[in-house]
Protein backbone atom coordinates (compact mmCIF):
# COMPACT_ATOMS: atom_id res chain seq x y z
CA UNK A 1 -9.28 -23.26 54.91
CA UNK A 2 -6.40 -20.83 54.30
CA UNK A 3 -5.37 -22.82 51.23
CA UNK A 4 -8.92 -22.61 49.83
CA UNK A 5 -9.12 -18.86 50.40
CA UNK A 6 -5.74 -18.38 48.71
CA UNK A 7 -6.89 -20.42 45.72
CA UNK A 8 -10.08 -18.36 45.40
CA UNK A 9 -8.13 -15.12 45.64
CA UNK A 10 -5.72 -16.26 42.93
CA UNK A 11 -8.64 -17.19 40.69
CA UNK A 12 -10.26 -13.78 41.13
CA UNK A 13 -7.00 -12.03 40.27
CA UNK A 14 -6.25 -13.97 37.08
CA UNK A 15 -6.49 -12.08 33.76
CA UNK A 16 -9.71 -13.97 32.97
CA UNK A 17 -11.38 -12.33 35.96
CA UNK A 18 -10.49 -8.82 34.88
CA UNK A 19 -10.63 -7.23 31.44
CA UNK A 20 -7.95 -4.69 30.70
CA UNK A 21 -10.09 -1.96 29.18
CA UNK A 22 -13.72 -1.01 28.86
CA UNK A 23 -14.00 1.51 26.04
CA UNK A 24 -17.30 3.11 26.96
CA UNK A 25 -19.67 5.78 25.67
CA UNK A 26 -18.80 5.50 21.97
CA UNK A 27 -20.65 5.73 18.69
CA UNK A 28 -19.12 2.49 17.46
CA UNK A 29 -19.34 0.76 14.09
CA UNK A 30 -17.87 -2.46 12.76
CA UNK A 31 -18.61 -5.18 10.25
CA UNK A 32 -19.75 -8.58 11.44
CA UNK A 33 -18.80 -11.98 10.04
CA UNK A 34 -21.36 -11.57 7.28
CA UNK A 35 -20.08 -8.14 6.26
CA UNK A 36 -23.08 -6.34 7.75
CA UNK A 37 -22.55 -3.00 9.52
CA UNK A 38 -23.39 -3.16 13.19
CA UNK A 39 -23.37 -0.50 15.91
CA UNK A 40 -22.26 -0.61 19.51
CA UNK A 41 -21.84 1.76 22.44
CA UNK A 42 -19.03 0.08 24.39
CA UNK A 43 -16.31 -2.51 23.90
CA UNK A 44 -14.60 -4.79 26.37
CA UNK A 45 -10.93 -5.60 25.66
CA UNK A 46 -9.16 -8.52 27.33
CA UNK A 47 -5.61 -8.83 28.62
CA UNK A 48 -4.37 -10.01 25.22
CA UNK A 49 -5.61 -6.86 23.51
CA UNK A 50 -8.51 -8.68 21.86
CA UNK A 51 -12.16 -7.75 21.72
CA UNK A 52 -14.03 -9.70 24.37
CA UNK A 53 -17.50 -8.21 23.96
CA UNK A 54 -19.43 -5.42 22.24
CA UNK A 55 -22.30 -3.73 24.05
CA UNK A 56 -25.38 -1.97 22.77
CA UNK A 57 -27.04 0.81 24.70
CA UNK A 58 -28.82 -0.57 27.74
CA UNK A 59 -26.70 -3.73 27.97
CA UNK A 60 -25.29 -4.59 31.37
CA UNK A 61 -21.52 -4.09 31.19
CA UNK A 62 -18.76 -5.98 32.93
CA UNK A 63 -18.17 -4.52 36.36
CA UNK A 64 -14.68 -5.90 36.82
CA UNK A 65 -12.31 -3.89 34.63
CA UNK A 66 -8.92 -2.45 35.39
CA UNK A 67 -9.55 0.65 33.34
CA UNK A 68 -12.56 2.44 31.86
CA UNK A 69 -12.01 4.84 29.00
CA UNK A 70 -14.74 7.37 28.27
CA UNK A 71 -15.10 7.81 24.51
CA UNK A 72 -17.23 10.93 25.08
CA UNK A 73 -19.71 9.87 22.42
CA UNK A 74 -17.15 10.06 19.60
CA UNK A 75 -17.33 7.83 16.53
CA UNK A 76 -15.18 4.71 16.75
CA UNK A 77 -14.45 2.38 13.82
CA UNK A 78 -11.98 -0.46 13.22
CA UNK A 79 -8.47 0.58 12.33
CA UNK A 80 -8.22 0.71 8.56
CA UNK A 81 -5.86 -1.50 6.55
CA UNK A 82 -3.86 -0.52 3.49
CA UNK A 83 -3.54 -3.60 1.30
CA UNK A 84 -0.66 -2.23 -0.78
CA UNK A 85 1.96 0.22 0.42
CA UNK A 86 5.70 0.71 0.79
CA UNK A 87 6.52 1.43 4.41
CA UNK A 88 10.16 2.38 4.14
CA UNK A 89 9.51 4.31 0.95
CA UNK A 90 7.04 6.45 2.86
CA UNK A 91 9.55 7.10 5.62
CA UNK A 92 12.36 7.99 3.25
CA UNK A 93 10.04 10.28 1.29
CA UNK A 94 9.44 12.22 4.51
CA UNK A 95 13.21 12.65 4.90
CA UNK A 96 14.24 13.29 1.30
CA UNK A 97 13.46 15.71 -1.50
CA UNK A 98 9.79 15.36 -2.39
CA UNK A 99 8.52 16.81 -5.67
CA UNK A 100 4.98 15.41 -5.47
CA UNK A 101 3.45 18.85 -4.87
CA UNK A 102 5.17 20.57 -7.83
CA UNK A 103 3.03 21.63 -10.78
CA UNK A 104 5.69 22.58 -13.33
CA UNK A 105 9.29 21.80 -14.24
CA UNK A 106 10.30 25.31 -13.18
CA UNK A 107 8.68 24.81 -9.77
CA UNK A 108 10.47 21.47 -9.41
CA UNK A 109 13.81 23.02 -10.36
CA UNK A 110 13.35 25.75 -7.78
CA UNK A 111 12.56 23.19 -5.10
CA UNK A 112 15.57 21.07 -6.06
CA UNK A 113 17.90 24.08 -5.90
CA UNK A 114 16.52 25.12 -2.51
CA UNK A 115 16.91 21.59 -1.15
CA UNK A 116 20.51 21.40 -2.37
CA UNK A 117 21.35 24.71 -0.72
CA UNK A 118 19.74 23.72 2.57
CA UNK A 119 21.26 20.21 2.65
CA UNK A 120 24.98 20.25 1.80
CA UNK A 121 25.24 16.68 3.15
CA UNK A 122 25.02 13.93 2.11
CA UNK A 123 26.62 14.61 -1.24
CA UNK A 124 24.06 12.65 -3.27
CA UNK A 125 20.67 14.36 -3.54
CA UNK A 126 18.03 11.63 -3.52
CA UNK A 127 14.27 11.93 -3.65
CA UNK A 128 11.28 11.51 -5.91
CA UNK A 129 7.64 12.26 -6.51
CA UNK A 130 8.02 13.97 -9.90
CA UNK A 131 5.34 13.51 -12.53
CA UNK A 132 5.83 15.02 -15.97
CA UNK A 133 2.11 14.57 -16.69
CA UNK A 134 1.26 16.76 -13.71
CA UNK A 135 3.70 19.36 -15.02
CA UNK A 136 2.04 19.37 -18.46
CA UNK A 137 5.55 19.02 -19.85
CA UNK A 138 4.69 16.85 -22.84
CA UNK A 139 8.00 14.99 -22.45
CA UNK A 140 10.23 13.43 -19.84
CA UNK A 141 12.58 15.81 -17.99
CA UNK A 142 16.28 15.50 -18.80
CA UNK A 143 19.68 15.53 -17.14
CA UNK A 144 20.19 19.02 -18.58
CA UNK A 145 17.14 20.20 -16.63
CA UNK A 146 18.83 19.04 -13.44
CA UNK A 147 22.30 20.25 -14.42
CA UNK A 148 20.88 23.76 -14.78
CA UNK A 149 20.19 23.93 -11.02
CA UNK A 150 22.57 21.35 -9.46
CA UNK A 151 25.60 20.81 -11.69
CA UNK A 152 28.19 19.78 -9.10
CA UNK A 153 26.48 17.05 -7.07
CA UNK A 154 24.92 13.76 -8.20
CA UNK A 155 21.11 13.85 -8.22
CA UNK A 156 18.80 10.83 -8.48
CA UNK A 157 15.02 11.31 -8.31
CA UNK A 158 12.41 8.57 -8.71
CA UNK A 159 9.20 9.18 -10.62
CA UNK A 160 6.05 9.29 -8.48
CA UNK A 161 5.16 5.68 -9.36
CA UNK A 162 8.67 4.36 -8.71
CA UNK A 163 8.92 3.02 -12.25
CA UNK A 164 11.39 5.54 -13.66
CA UNK A 165 14.29 7.58 -12.37
CA UNK A 166 15.75 10.95 -13.33
CA UNK A 167 19.52 11.50 -13.07
CA UNK A 168 21.74 14.46 -13.70
CA UNK A 169 25.04 14.26 -15.59
CA UNK A 170 27.10 13.87 -12.40
CA UNK A 171 24.98 10.92 -11.26
CA UNK A 172 25.33 9.21 -14.63
CA UNK A 173 29.08 9.81 -14.59
CA UNK A 174 29.49 8.25 -11.15
CA UNK A 175 27.33 5.32 -12.23
CA UNK A 176 29.53 4.81 -15.29
CA UNK A 177 26.73 5.44 -17.77
CA UNK A 178 27.45 6.71 -21.26
CA UNK A 179 26.33 6.23 -24.85
CA UNK A 180 27.55 2.64 -24.84
CA UNK A 181 25.47 1.64 -21.80
CA UNK A 182 22.89 -1.08 -22.43
CA UNK A 183 19.58 -1.33 -20.58
CA UNK A 184 18.96 -4.65 -18.81
CA UNK A 185 16.00 -6.81 -19.77
CA UNK A 186 12.79 -5.18 -18.62
CA UNK A 187 14.26 -1.70 -18.69
CA UNK A 188 14.73 1.22 -21.01
CA UNK A 189 17.23 4.08 -21.21
CA UNK A 190 15.66 7.14 -22.79
CA UNK A 191 18.06 8.57 -25.37
CA UNK A 192 18.60 11.55 -27.61
CA UNK A 193 20.12 9.71 -30.53
CA UNK A 194 22.59 7.48 -28.69
CA UNK A 195 23.12 9.74 -25.70
CA UNK A 196 21.18 8.90 -22.48
CA UNK A 197 18.85 11.77 -21.58
CA UNK A 198 18.85 11.05 -17.84
CA UNK A 199 15.62 8.98 -17.68
CA UNK A 200 15.86 5.31 -16.76
CA UNK A 201 12.67 3.23 -16.89
CA UNK A 202 11.94 0.21 -14.68
CA UNK A 203 14.88 -2.26 -14.63
CA UNK A 204 17.23 0.32 -16.16
CA UNK A 205 16.95 2.39 -12.99
CA UNK A 206 19.25 -0.13 -11.31
CA UNK A 207 22.12 1.22 -13.42
CA UNK A 208 22.05 4.43 -11.40
CA UNK A 209 20.59 3.11 -8.16
CA UNK A 210 23.57 0.84 -7.55
CA UNK A 211 25.82 3.92 -7.34
CA UNK A 212 23.70 5.62 -4.68
CA UNK A 213 25.18 5.10 -1.18
CA UNK A 214 23.07 2.82 1.02
CA UNK A 215 21.45 4.45 4.10
CA UNK A 216 22.98 3.55 7.43
CA UNK A 217 20.87 1.42 9.83
CA UNK A 218 20.17 4.42 12.07
CA UNK A 219 18.82 6.32 9.06
CA UNK A 220 16.59 3.36 8.19
CA UNK A 221 15.33 3.26 11.76
CA UNK A 222 14.46 6.94 11.58
CA UNK A 223 12.68 6.41 8.27
CA UNK A 224 10.63 3.57 9.74
CA UNK A 225 9.69 5.69 12.75
CA UNK A 226 8.52 8.51 10.47
CA UNK A 227 6.53 6.11 8.29
CA UNK A 228 4.81 4.57 11.29
CA UNK A 229 3.85 7.98 12.63
CA UNK A 230 2.35 9.00 9.29
CA UNK A 231 0.38 5.77 8.94
CA UNK A 232 -1.01 5.88 12.47
CA UNK A 233 -2.01 9.52 12.07
CA UNK A 234 -4.04 8.52 9.03
CA UNK A 235 -5.96 5.85 10.93
CA UNK A 236 -4.09 2.84 9.52
CA UNK A 237 -3.40 0.09 12.05
CA UNK A 238 -2.19 -2.50 9.53
CA UNK A 239 -0.52 -2.44 6.12
CA UNK A 240 0.68 -4.91 3.52
CA UNK A 241 4.27 -3.92 2.79
CA UNK A 242 4.70 -4.78 -0.88
CA UNK A 243 8.37 -5.40 -1.55
CA UNK A 244 10.17 -5.77 1.78
CA UNK A 245 13.94 -5.82 1.35
CA UNK A 246 16.20 -7.50 3.90
CA UNK A 247 17.34 -4.15 5.29
CA UNK A 248 13.69 -3.08 5.63
CA UNK A 249 12.89 -6.22 7.59
CA UNK A 250 15.82 -5.63 9.93
CA UNK A 251 14.55 -2.10 10.64
CA UNK A 252 11.10 -3.46 11.46
CA UNK A 253 12.60 -6.12 13.70
CA UNK A 254 14.71 -3.54 15.52
CA UNK A 255 11.56 -1.53 16.21
CA UNK A 256 9.87 -4.67 17.52
CA UNK A 257 12.83 -5.60 19.70
CA UNK A 258 12.67 -2.31 21.59
CA UNK A 259 8.87 -2.27 21.85
CA UNK A 260 8.32 0.50 19.29
CA UNK A 261 6.52 -1.46 16.57
CA UNK A 262 3.05 0.08 16.80
CA UNK A 263 1.55 -0.98 13.50
CA UNK A 264 0.81 -4.41 12.07
CA UNK A 265 2.78 -5.27 8.96
CA UNK A 266 1.91 -8.07 6.55
CA UNK A 267 5.20 -8.32 4.71
CA UNK A 268 5.70 -9.48 1.12
CA UNK A 269 9.37 -9.94 0.25
CA UNK A 270 10.92 -8.05 -2.66
CA UNK A 271 11.61 -11.20 -4.66
CA UNK A 272 12.92 -14.68 -3.98
CA UNK A 273 16.33 -13.78 -2.49
CA UNK A 274 15.06 -11.71 0.48
CA UNK A 275 12.17 -14.16 0.92
CA UNK A 276 14.53 -17.08 1.45
CA UNK A 277 16.99 -15.00 3.47
CA UNK A 278 14.30 -13.82 5.90
CA UNK A 279 11.62 -16.49 6.01
CA UNK A 280 13.48 -19.52 4.71
CA UNK A 281 11.23 -22.54 4.29
CA UNK A 282 7.82 -21.01 4.86
CA UNK A 283 5.86 -18.02 6.15
CA UNK A 284 7.09 -16.69 9.47
CA UNK A 285 4.83 -16.79 12.50
CA UNK A 286 3.26 -13.57 13.68
CA UNK A 287 5.93 -11.79 15.73
CA UNK A 288 5.74 -9.17 18.47
CA UNK A 289 2.15 -9.94 19.52
CA UNK A 290 0.71 -10.14 16.00
CA UNK A 291 2.57 -7.10 14.67
CA UNK A 292 4.89 -8.49 12.00
CA UNK A 293 4.75 -11.44 9.64
CA UNK A 294 6.31 -12.30 6.31
CA UNK A 295 3.76 -14.45 4.57
CA UNK A 296 4.42 -13.86 0.90
CA UNK A 297 6.47 -12.45 -1.92
CA UNK A 298 5.95 -9.80 -4.59
CA UNK A 299 6.93 -10.10 -8.22
CA UNK A 300 6.61 -7.73 -11.18
CA UNK A 301 5.37 -8.41 -14.69
CA UNK A 302 5.38 -4.85 -16.05
CA UNK A 303 5.89 -1.20 -15.17
CA UNK A 304 3.48 1.73 -14.87
CA UNK A 305 1.21 3.53 -17.29
CA UNK A 306 2.73 6.96 -16.64
CA UNK A 307 6.19 5.90 -17.80
CA UNK A 308 4.73 3.77 -20.62
CA UNK A 309 6.05 0.69 -18.88
CA UNK A 310 2.65 -0.98 -18.45
CA UNK A 311 2.52 -3.93 -20.85
CA UNK A 312 -0.36 -3.56 -23.30
CA UNK A 313 -1.99 -5.87 -25.82
CA UNK A 314 -2.01 -3.05 -28.37
CA UNK A 315 0.47 -0.15 -28.83
CA UNK A 316 0.24 3.04 -26.84
CA UNK A 317 -2.02 5.52 -28.57
CA UNK A 318 0.40 8.38 -27.90
CA UNK A 319 3.49 6.31 -28.81
CA UNK A 320 2.57 3.75 -31.49
CA UNK A 321 5.99 2.06 -31.44
CA UNK A 322 5.64 1.04 -27.77
CA UNK A 323 3.71 -1.74 -26.05
CA UNK A 324 5.32 -1.25 -22.63
CA UNK A 325 7.80 -3.50 -20.85
CA UNK A 326 7.49 -7.14 -19.90
CA UNK A 327 9.88 -7.53 -16.99
CA UNK A 328 9.67 -11.34 -17.02
CA UNK A 329 8.78 -13.96 -19.59
CA UNK A 330 5.87 -16.33 -19.13
CA UNK A 331 8.24 -19.15 -18.17
CA UNK A 332 10.21 -16.97 -15.74
CA UNK A 333 7.00 -15.83 -14.06
CA UNK A 334 5.71 -19.35 -13.55
CA UNK A 335 9.08 -20.51 -12.22
CA UNK A 336 9.10 -17.68 -9.67
CA UNK A 337 5.51 -18.32 -8.63
CA UNK A 338 6.17 -22.02 -8.31
CA UNK A 339 9.32 -21.49 -6.22
CA UNK A 340 7.33 -19.42 -3.72
CA UNK A 341 4.16 -21.52 -3.73
CA UNK A 342 5.99 -24.80 -3.15
CA UNK A 343 6.92 -23.58 0.34
CA UNK A 344 3.47 -22.19 1.12
CA UNK A 345 4.21 -18.52 0.51
CA UNK A 346 1.45 -16.30 -0.85
CA UNK A 347 2.20 -14.84 -4.27
CA UNK A 348 1.43 -11.21 -5.13
CA UNK A 349 2.23 -9.97 -8.64
CA UNK A 350 2.31 -6.41 -9.95
CA UNK A 351 0.28 -6.24 -13.19
CA UNK A 352 -0.98 -2.95 -14.62
CA UNK A 353 -1.38 -3.35 -18.38
CA UNK A 354 -4.01 -5.59 -20.01
CA UNK A 355 -1.33 -7.86 -21.47
CA UNK A 356 0.34 -8.23 -18.07
CA UNK A 357 -2.96 -9.04 -16.38
CA UNK A 358 -3.82 -11.64 -19.02
CA UNK A 359 -0.40 -13.29 -18.68
CA UNK A 360 -0.77 -13.44 -14.90
CA UNK A 361 -4.26 -14.93 -15.06
CA UNK A 362 -2.94 -17.58 -17.43
CA UNK A 363 -0.12 -18.37 -14.99
CA UNK A 364 -2.50 -18.60 -12.03
CA UNK A 365 -4.70 -21.00 -14.00
CA UNK A 366 -1.72 -23.25 -14.64
CA UNK A 367 -0.33 -22.94 -11.07
CA UNK A 368 -3.70 -23.81 -9.54
CA UNK A 369 -3.57 -27.28 -11.06
CA UNK A 370 -0.43 -28.01 -9.03
CA UNK A 371 -0.81 -25.82 -5.94
CA UNK A 372 -4.32 -26.48 -4.74
CA UNK A 373 -6.09 -25.19 -1.67
CA UNK A 374 -6.56 -21.68 -0.37
CA UNK A 375 -3.70 -19.88 -2.13
CA UNK A 376 -5.26 -16.43 -2.52
CA UNK A 377 -3.16 -15.42 -5.51
CA UNK A 378 -2.95 -11.62 -5.55
CA UNK A 379 -3.00 -9.34 -8.57
CA UNK A 380 -1.52 -6.02 -7.48
CA UNK A 381 -3.11 -2.98 -9.18
CA UNK A 382 -5.12 -4.74 -11.94
CA UNK A 383 -5.54 -1.30 -13.48
CA UNK A 384 -6.02 -1.92 -17.18
CA UNK A 385 -7.87 -5.17 -17.79
CA UNK A 386 -9.38 -6.44 -21.01
CA UNK A 387 -13.15 -6.70 -20.26
CA UNK A 388 -12.99 -10.27 -21.55
CA UNK A 389 -10.57 -11.10 -18.72
CA UNK A 390 -12.60 -9.65 -15.82
CA UNK A 391 -14.55 -12.84 -15.17
CA UNK A 392 -11.29 -14.82 -14.94
CA UNK A 393 -10.27 -13.09 -11.70
CA UNK A 394 -12.83 -15.01 -9.66
CA UNK A 395 -11.34 -18.36 -10.56
CA UNK A 396 -9.12 -19.99 -7.96
CA UNK A 397 -9.92 -17.27 -5.41
CA UNK A 398 -7.70 -14.66 -7.05
CA UNK A 399 -7.70 -11.34 -5.20
CA UNK A 400 -7.84 -7.97 -6.92
CA UNK A 401 -5.63 -5.68 -4.81
CA UNK A 402 -6.47 -2.22 -6.14
CA UNK A 403 -5.97 1.44 -5.25
CA UNK A 404 -8.93 3.81 -5.82
CA UNK A 405 -6.77 6.93 -5.73
CA UNK A 406 -4.84 5.71 -8.77
CA UNK A 407 -7.97 6.06 -10.88
CA UNK A 408 -8.65 9.62 -9.78
CA UNK A 409 -5.02 10.56 -10.41
CA UNK A 410 -4.66 8.70 -13.70
CA UNK A 411 -7.89 9.00 -15.67
CA UNK A 412 -6.74 11.83 -17.97
CA UNK A 413 -3.39 10.20 -18.56
CA UNK A 414 -5.03 6.80 -19.18
CA UNK A 415 -7.18 8.31 -21.91
CA UNK A 416 -4.12 9.94 -23.45
CA UNK A 417 -2.13 6.69 -23.35
CA UNK A 418 -4.86 4.36 -24.62
CA UNK A 419 -7.96 6.22 -25.76
CA UNK A 420 -11.42 5.72 -24.25
CA UNK A 421 -12.35 2.71 -26.38
CA UNK A 422 -9.72 0.50 -24.71
CA UNK A 423 -10.58 1.41 -21.11
CA UNK A 424 -13.77 -0.58 -20.57
CA UNK A 425 -12.08 -2.75 -17.95
CA UNK A 426 -9.96 -0.02 -16.37
CA UNK A 427 -10.06 0.47 -12.58
CA UNK A 428 -13.17 -1.72 -12.68
CA UNK A 429 -14.01 -2.12 -9.00
CA UNK A 430 -17.73 -2.75 -9.31
CA UNK A 431 -17.17 -5.22 -12.14
CA UNK A 432 -14.76 -7.11 -9.87
CA UNK A 433 -17.43 -7.36 -7.16
CA UNK A 434 -20.08 -8.31 -9.73
CA UNK A 435 -17.81 -11.20 -10.74
CA UNK A 436 -17.44 -12.19 -7.07
CA UNK A 437 -13.76 -11.27 -6.98
CA UNK A 438 -12.34 -10.62 -3.47
CA UNK A 439 -11.47 -6.91 -3.46
CA UNK A 440 -8.77 -5.36 -1.25
CA UNK A 441 -8.04 -1.64 -1.26
CA UNK A 442 -4.89 0.31 -0.54
CA UNK A 443 -3.11 3.45 -1.71
CA UNK A 444 0.34 2.37 -2.99
CA UNK A 445 1.84 4.96 -0.64
CA UNK A 446 4.09 6.92 -1.08
CA UNK A 447 2.99 7.01 -4.73
CA UNK A 448 -0.31 8.35 -3.38
CA UNK A 449 -1.37 9.69 0.01
CA UNK A 450 -1.85 6.92 2.60
CA UNK A 451 -5.07 8.60 3.79
CA UNK A 452 -7.71 5.82 3.50
CA UNK A 453 -10.61 8.26 3.73
CA UNK A 454 -9.49 9.83 0.47
CA UNK A 455 -9.41 6.33 -0.96
CA UNK A 456 -12.97 5.69 0.21
CA UNK A 457 -14.09 8.99 -1.33
CA UNK A 458 -12.38 8.14 -4.61
CA UNK A 459 -14.09 4.75 -4.69
CA UNK A 460 -17.47 6.41 -4.18
CA UNK A 461 -17.07 9.30 -6.64
CA UNK A 462 -14.37 8.42 -9.23
CA UNK A 463 -13.61 12.14 -9.44
CA UNK A 464 -10.27 13.86 -8.92
CA UNK A 465 -9.33 16.61 -6.47
CA UNK A 466 -10.98 19.17 -8.74
CA UNK A 467 -14.24 17.18 -8.88
CA UNK A 468 -13.56 16.11 -12.45
CA UNK A 469 -15.06 14.67 -14.49
CA UNK A 470 -18.57 15.67 -13.34
CA UNK A 471 -20.45 12.61 -12.17
CA UNK A 472 -17.29 10.51 -12.09
CA UNK A 473 -15.11 8.77 -14.64
CA UNK A 474 -16.92 5.64 -15.82
CA UNK A 475 -19.47 6.20 -13.03
CA UNK A 476 -20.94 2.72 -13.39
CA UNK A 477 -17.84 1.50 -11.51
CA UNK A 478 -18.51 3.61 -8.39
CA UNK A 479 -18.88 1.79 -5.09
CA UNK A 480 -21.06 2.38 -2.05
CA UNK A 481 -19.56 3.51 1.23
CA UNK A 482 -20.06 0.06 2.73
CA UNK A 483 -18.34 -1.66 -0.21
CA UNK A 484 -15.35 0.67 -0.02
CA UNK A 485 -15.17 0.38 3.78
CA UNK A 486 -15.20 -3.41 3.49
CA UNK A 487 -12.29 -3.33 1.01
CA UNK A 488 -10.23 -1.21 3.45
CA UNK A 489 -11.00 -3.49 6.41
CA UNK A 490 -12.25 -7.07 6.01
CA UNK A 491 -11.16 -7.27 2.37
CA UNK A 492 -7.63 -6.09 3.08
CA UNK A 493 -7.32 -8.44 6.06
CA UNK A 494 -8.55 -11.39 4.00
CA UNK A 495 -6.05 -10.57 1.25
CA UNK A 496 -3.24 -11.05 3.78
CA UNK A 497 -4.57 -14.22 5.46
CA UNK A 498 -5.29 -12.10 8.55
CA UNK A 499 -9.09 -12.18 8.64
CA UNK A 500 -8.98 -14.33 11.79
CA UNK A 501 -7.50 -11.44 13.79
CA UNK A 502 -7.75 -8.15 11.86
CA UNK A 503 -10.29 -6.12 9.91
CA UNK A 504 -13.24 -6.06 12.30
CA UNK A 505 -14.00 -5.62 15.99
CA UNK A 506 -15.61 -9.02 16.37
CA UNK A 507 -14.99 -11.06 19.50
CA UNK A 508 -11.51 -12.55 19.42
CA UNK A 509 -10.12 -10.02 16.95
CA UNK A 510 -7.44 -7.53 17.89
CA UNK A 511 -8.85 -4.37 19.44
CA UNK A 512 -7.38 -2.04 16.82
CA UNK A 513 -9.58 1.00 16.34
CA UNK A 514 -9.64 4.71 15.68
CA UNK A 515 -11.66 7.68 16.86
CA UNK A 516 -12.66 10.03 14.07
CA UNK A 517 -14.15 13.51 14.02
CA UNK A 518 -17.42 12.62 12.28
CA UNK A 519 -19.96 9.86 11.80
CA UNK A 520 -19.18 8.74 8.26
CA UNK A 521 -22.17 6.39 8.21
CA UNK A 522 -24.75 9.06 9.11
CA UNK A 523 -25.62 10.61 5.74
CA UNK A 524 -22.12 12.01 5.21
CA UNK A 525 -21.33 13.02 1.65
CA UNK A 526 -18.31 11.47 -0.06
CA UNK A 527 -16.53 14.81 0.21
CA UNK A 528 -17.19 14.93 3.95
CA UNK A 529 -15.89 11.38 4.29
CA UNK A 530 -12.75 12.33 2.40
CA UNK A 531 -12.17 15.21 4.83
CA UNK A 532 -12.40 12.95 7.91
CA UNK A 533 -9.76 13.60 10.57
CA UNK A 534 -8.35 10.91 12.82
CA UNK A 535 -8.41 11.91 16.49
CA UNK A 536 -6.79 8.85 18.09
CA UNK A 537 -5.41 5.49 16.96
CA UNK A 538 -5.46 2.45 19.27
CA UNK A 539 -3.71 -0.89 18.94
CA UNK A 540 -4.65 -3.91 21.07
CA UNK A 541 -6.72 -1.72 23.36
CA UNK A 542 -3.99 0.87 23.98
CA UNK A 543 -3.58 4.30 22.42
CA UNK A 544 -0.54 4.56 20.14
CA UNK A 545 -1.27 7.89 18.42
CA UNK A 546 -0.95 10.61 19.43
CA UNK A 547 1.51 9.25 21.94
């Protein structure tokens, strides 16, 4: 009899008999398996941090829970997912000189001088965020512009899109750059005659970057911690890290080892070498309770539109001698894609210009004959697409991984670079959906703000921060709230082969959710949605921000 009672007691005390958390009294929303929006008033979370059950008002709730959390009627939605970001870049931006808020060269120079005065160490001044289009400069800045404010220390500043760098004379000297320097394939050194001006586009940036001292591991750890805090505060519970270097991966692993990895990272290696060094013969398993996985690799075909590195079918309207930069040949691209695909890695490729997108679609077509099955080839950005190529995205399950905030930041510059007649397939989100293309949204942080609510607003309005142009740029490409929300949740999870555990609050999915300060689904305007504030961020049924 004693043995039977002991067995019954043990059964009652097993994790199956108790759920960890009942999140009660909430105004909850999620998408179901069919993509339909559903509401709930409470959520039961099991010991593994997964959703066990959703309750509607009036439903009888589980009466055996270890902990009940009162949501106080606040709005609860799934944690949002950024399908394309740069985690360590975001953290370093928070620690380095950031020029993203400057509106003129003079304002940037003043900020650079102030930073140099306030930070005598380290000797190299490193940062980024500059945008000559935002300054209305009409040209690239030069080394002389930097020398005027910081002549005695090397300065290296990346353009906002990461596709060009700006060096002063001291930095070029220490990097051994002079009039005889030659740009590597896929790069360009801007020159005045034969003399480098201080601007290095795409692959040429490596000429200076290799001279910049590498951050120590403790600095990387601090950068990761800052990035994680920023992402969680913006309601992001998962991100696709596009271009993970080996040192980045080690920082993420160190955070996981000490129990401080509080965001889910779908990692895409920065090329073949780190992919093989980290993952070896195939995608890694999910580590640290579904918080870190390297499942793919990222390659580049071209650069960015702002630095005229995007590879176009026709010349730039504002620079008729340029077509942009092809960073790889057709054969090189297919060899890289094949090397990754043969071991089951997912392939994500940066393509911005219409020529780059066409080349990538051709390569996917050819690869699909050899590498069959559910490959989910990813086109990162897909910004400028020939309308004739839009229907090709749906073939072979190709995913359009796009960033709504790029359109609202770039529309004026895109018209300047290409003219309106060549932009019929630009930032064409609705056309992608009409062609049944899987759509995943992100921000490309730190190029843009990681705030997903601004991304949702941009997708709905296609207007910039000043509300321009009235009615939206190419308004026929606007999305509904539900379409944009799907792309930041289910769509982004699907793009990373994580739809079985992330993106919704269905039973069996991770209980990753956020409390927000308003009901975005109750007749909120796009502007109100864009102003949404995150109150709390939860991972696996536990609050991780604010901590």
